[in-house]
Amino acid sequence: MTAREVVERHEEKLLVLGPLLESLEGELLDPFIDRTFELALEAGVIPPPPPELEGLDLKVEYISPLAQAQKMIGVTAIEQGARFVGSISAVKPEVIDIVDWDEMTRQHLQMDGVSPRIIRDPEVVAAERKARAEAAAAAQAAEQGVAMAQGAKTLSETKVGQNSALDAVLGGIAGIPSGQAGEPQ
């Protein structure tokens, strides 16, 4: 049996067990956990939630090996989607714009079980990217300033007078025949 066949069989098993697991979680475990949490809260066994969480619905995330395996099916789909878009982009680069790469990365990391504390807030990421773009624009403006200064220096050192290259250029712009731009009028 090849490695691909093993993976496919594993995914088939998960697809068969998936609906059963979801039913078990939704109809038995979720209500049981919610009720246990409410009772523990009322009895003072656990401290009250912080003000930021009051009134919000909390969702239990299961971390059993079977739940993790189900998440891995989603990870495989994300990776296959990224590979597909990457291969198409070689022919048609615009397709890159279809995918929200930041969100794809966030979901992939979450499905992999990466700690949410490691994943940066989208606003922080946007601020960093903006600062980086502003720094790049400032660097480009500085480079252009240096190039303009060098051009001005070269222009200031350019010989002027009859039959000079500068006179020929200026004469061409003004419509004066070559060789007559430097002659007094």
Protein backbone atom coordinates (compact mmCIF):
# COMPACT_ATOMS: atom_id res chain seq x y z
CA MET A 1 0.00 0.00 0.00
CA THR A 2 1.35 3.46 -0.88
CA ALA A 3 1.42 6.38 1.53
CA ARG A 4 -1.28 8.09 -0.53
CA GLU A 5 -3.56 5.05 -0.18
CA VAL A 6 -3.04 5.06 3.59
CA VAL A 7 -3.99 8.74 3.77
CA GLU A 8 -7.07 8.19 1.58
CA ARG A 9 -8.25 5.27 3.72
CA HIS A 10 -7.70 7.30 6.86
CA GLU A 11 -9.74 10.18 5.40
CA GLU A 12 -12.52 7.76 4.38
CA LYS A 13 -12.76 6.46 7.95
CA LEU A 14 -12.95 10.00 9.26
CA LEU A 15 -15.64 10.90 6.77
CA VAL A 16 -17.69 7.93 7.99
CA LEU A 17 -17.10 8.72 11.67
CA GLY A 18 -17.43 12.50 11.24
CA PRO A 19 -21.25 12.76 11.27
CA LEU A 20 -21.43 10.44 14.29
CA LEU A 21 -18.86 12.49 16.16
CA GLU A 22 -20.59 15.79 15.29
CA SER A 23 -23.92 14.38 16.43
CA LEU A 24 -22.37 13.14 19.66
CA GLU A 25 -20.76 16.52 20.31
CA GLY A 26 -23.82 18.60 19.43
CA GLU A 27 -26.52 16.51 21.09
CA LEU A 28 -24.71 15.07 24.12
CA LEU A 29 -21.38 16.66 24.96
CA ASP A 30 -22.11 20.36 24.27
CA PRO A 31 -25.31 20.47 26.39
CA PHE A 32 -23.61 18.43 29.12
CA ILE A 33 -20.59 20.74 29.25
CA ASP A 34 -22.77 23.87 29.14
CA ARG A 35 -24.95 22.63 32.03
CA THR A 36 -21.91 21.56 34.08
CA PHE A 37 -20.32 24.97 33.55
CA GLU A 38 -23.53 26.76 34.62
CA LEU A 39 -23.83 24.62 37.78
CA ALA A 40 -20.16 25.16 38.67
CA LEU A 41 -20.56 28.90 38.14
CA GLU A 42 -23.71 29.05 40.31
CA ALA A 43 -22.03 26.99 43.06
CA GLY A 44 -18.99 29.27 43.06
CA VAL A 45 -16.66 26.42 42.15
CA ILE A 46 -15.18 28.51 39.35
CA PRO A 47 -14.69 32.28 39.39
CA PRO A 48 -17.07 34.48 37.40
CA PRO A 49 -15.97 35.27 33.84
CA PRO A 50 -14.12 38.52 33.19
CA PRO A 51 -16.28 41.44 32.01
CA GLU A 52 -15.01 40.99 28.42
CA LEU A 53 -16.62 37.53 28.25
CA GLU A 54 -19.93 38.29 29.98
CA GLY A 55 -22.88 37.73 27.68
CA LEU A 56 -20.81 35.97 25.01
CA ASP A 57 -21.51 32.41 23.92
CA LEU A 58 -18.47 30.28 24.56
CA LYS A 59 -17.82 27.37 22.24
CA VAL A 60 -16.05 24.28 23.44
CA GLU A 61 -13.25 23.12 21.19
CA TYR A 62 -12.58 19.41 21.32
CA ILE A 63 -8.98 18.28 21.20
CA SER A 64 -9.31 14.51 21.10
CA PRO A 65 -7.23 12.62 18.55
CA LEU A 66 -10.35 12.09 16.44
CA ALA A 67 -11.25 15.81 16.56
CA GLN A 68 -7.67 16.67 15.60
CA ALA A 69 -7.79 14.21 12.72
CA GLN A 70 -10.98 15.83 11.44
CA LYS A 71 -9.28 19.22 11.52
CA MET A 72 -6.41 17.78 9.51
CA ILE A 73 -8.84 17.07 6.67
CA GLY A 74 -9.50 20.82 6.59
CA VAL A 75 -5.78 21.52 6.64
CA THR A 76 -5.30 19.22 3.66
CA ALA A 77 -8.04 21.07 1.78
CA ILE A 78 -6.40 24.43 2.52
CA GLU A 79 -3.00 23.18 1.35
CA GLN A 80 -4.47 21.70 -1.83
CA GLY A 81 -6.28 24.98 -2.53
CA ALA A 82 -3.09 26.97 -2.03
CA ARG A 83 -1.14 24.64 -4.35
CA PHE A 84 -3.88 24.85 -6.98
CA VAL A 85 -3.98 28.67 -6.92
CA GLY A 86 -0.18 28.77 -6.97
CA SER A 87 -0.01 26.57 -10.07
CA ILE A 88 -2.71 28.56 -11.88
CA SER A 89 -0.98 31.84 -10.98
CA ALA A 90 2.00 30.81 -13.12
CA VAL A 91 -0.28 31.20 -16.14
CA LYS A 92 -2.70 33.82 -14.85
CA PRO A 93 -1.17 35.84 -11.96
CA GLU A 94 -4.46 37.68 -11.22
CA VAL A 95 -5.95 34.57 -9.57
CA ILE A 96 -3.75 35.28 -6.53
CA ASP A 97 -6.19 38.10 -5.69
CA ILE A 98 -9.06 35.64 -5.20
CA VAL A 99 -7.64 34.14 -2.02
CA ASP A 100 -7.48 35.92 1.33
CA TRP A 101 -4.00 34.62 2.13
CA ASP A 102 -4.00 36.06 5.65
CA GLU A 103 -7.25 34.31 6.56
CA MET A 104 -6.09 31.09 4.89
CA THR A 105 -2.95 31.16 7.00
CA ARG A 106 -4.91 31.92 10.20
CA GLN A 107 -7.31 29.03 9.62
CA HIS A 108 -4.47 26.66 8.79
CA LEU A 109 -2.63 27.59 11.98
CA GLN A 110 -5.79 27.22 14.06
CA MET A 111 -6.54 23.81 12.57
CA ASP A 112 -2.97 22.76 13.29
CA GLY A 113 -3.61 23.59 16.93
CA VAL A 114 -1.22 26.53 17.11
CA SER A 115 -1.78 28.64 20.23
CA PRO A 116 -3.97 31.69 19.49
CA ARG A 117 -1.50 33.79 21.46
CA ILE A 118 1.08 33.21 18.72
CA ILE A 119 -1.22 34.36 15.91
CA ARG A 120 -1.06 38.13 15.65
CA ASP A 121 -4.10 40.37 15.60
CA PRO A 122 -5.06 41.50 12.06
CA GLU A 123 -4.93 45.17 13.14
CA VAL A 124 -1.35 44.78 14.41
CA VAL A 125 -0.38 43.08 11.15
CA ALA A 126 -2.01 45.89 9.11
CA ALA A 127 -0.18 48.56 11.15
CA GLU A 128 3.16 46.80 10.65
CA ARG A 129 2.59 46.47 6.91
CA LYS A 130 1.63 50.13 6.67
CA ALA A 131 4.80 51.17 8.55
CA ARG A 132 6.90 48.93 6.29
CA ALA A 133 5.30 50.43 3.15
CA GLU A 134 5.88 53.97 4.45
CA ALA A 135 9.53 53.16 5.20
CA ALA A 136 9.96 51.72 1.70
CA ALA A 137 8.36 54.82 0.17
CA ALA A 138 10.66 57.08 2.21
CA ALA A 139 13.70 55.06 1.12
CA GLN A 140 12.61 55.30 -2.52
CA ALA A 141 12.08 59.05 -2.19
CA ALA A 142 15.57 59.37 -0.68
CA GLU A 143 17.06 57.41 -3.59
CA GLN A 144 15.26 59.65 -6.07
CA GLY A 145 16.55 62.71 -4.20
CA VAL A 146 20.12 61.44 -4.46
CA ALA A 147 19.67 60.76 -8.18
CA MET A 148 18.23 64.24 -8.72
CA ALA A 149 21.11 65.81 -6.77
CA GLN A 150 23.63 63.90 -8.88
CA GLY A 151 21.82 65.00 -12.02
CA ALA A 152 21.86 68.63 -10.87
CA LYS A 153 25.58 68.38 -10.08
CA THR A 154 26.32 66.91 -13.51
CA LEU A 155 24.19 69.61 -15.16
CA SER A 156 26.00 72.36 -13.23
CA GLU A 157 29.33 71.02 -14.46
CA THR A 158 28.17 70.83 -18.06
CA LYS A 159 30.06 73.12 -20.45
CA VAL A 160 27.89 75.79 -22.01
CA GLY A 161 28.66 77.90 -24.96
CA GLN A 162 28.73 77.62 -28.70
CA ASN A 163 28.27 74.09 -30.06
CA SER A 164 28.03 72.43 -26.63
CA ALA A 165 25.86 69.36 -26.13
CA LEU A 166 23.59 71.30 -23.78
CA ASP A 167 23.11 74.05 -26.37
CA ALA A 168 22.19 71.41 -28.97
CA VAL A 169 19.59 69.87 -26.63
CA LEU A 170 18.13 73.26 -25.68
CA GLY A 171 18.15 74.34 -29.29
CA GLY A 172 16.32 71.18 -30.28
CA ILE A 173 13.68 71.87 -27.67
CA ALA A 174 13.34 75.49 -28.79
CA GLY A 175 13.37 74.56 -32.49
CA ILE A 176 16.69 76.31 -33.25
CA PRO A 177 18.91 74.49 -35.79
CA SER A 178 21.99 72.77 -34.38
CA GLY A 179 25.05 75.00 -34.01
CA GLN A 180 23.03 78.22 -33.70
CA ALA A 181 21.74 77.80 -30.12
CA GLY A 182 24.84 79.37 -28.51
CA GLU A 183 25.11 82.33 -30.94
CA PRO A 184 24.14 85.73 -29.57
CA GLN A 185 20.99 87.22 -31.05
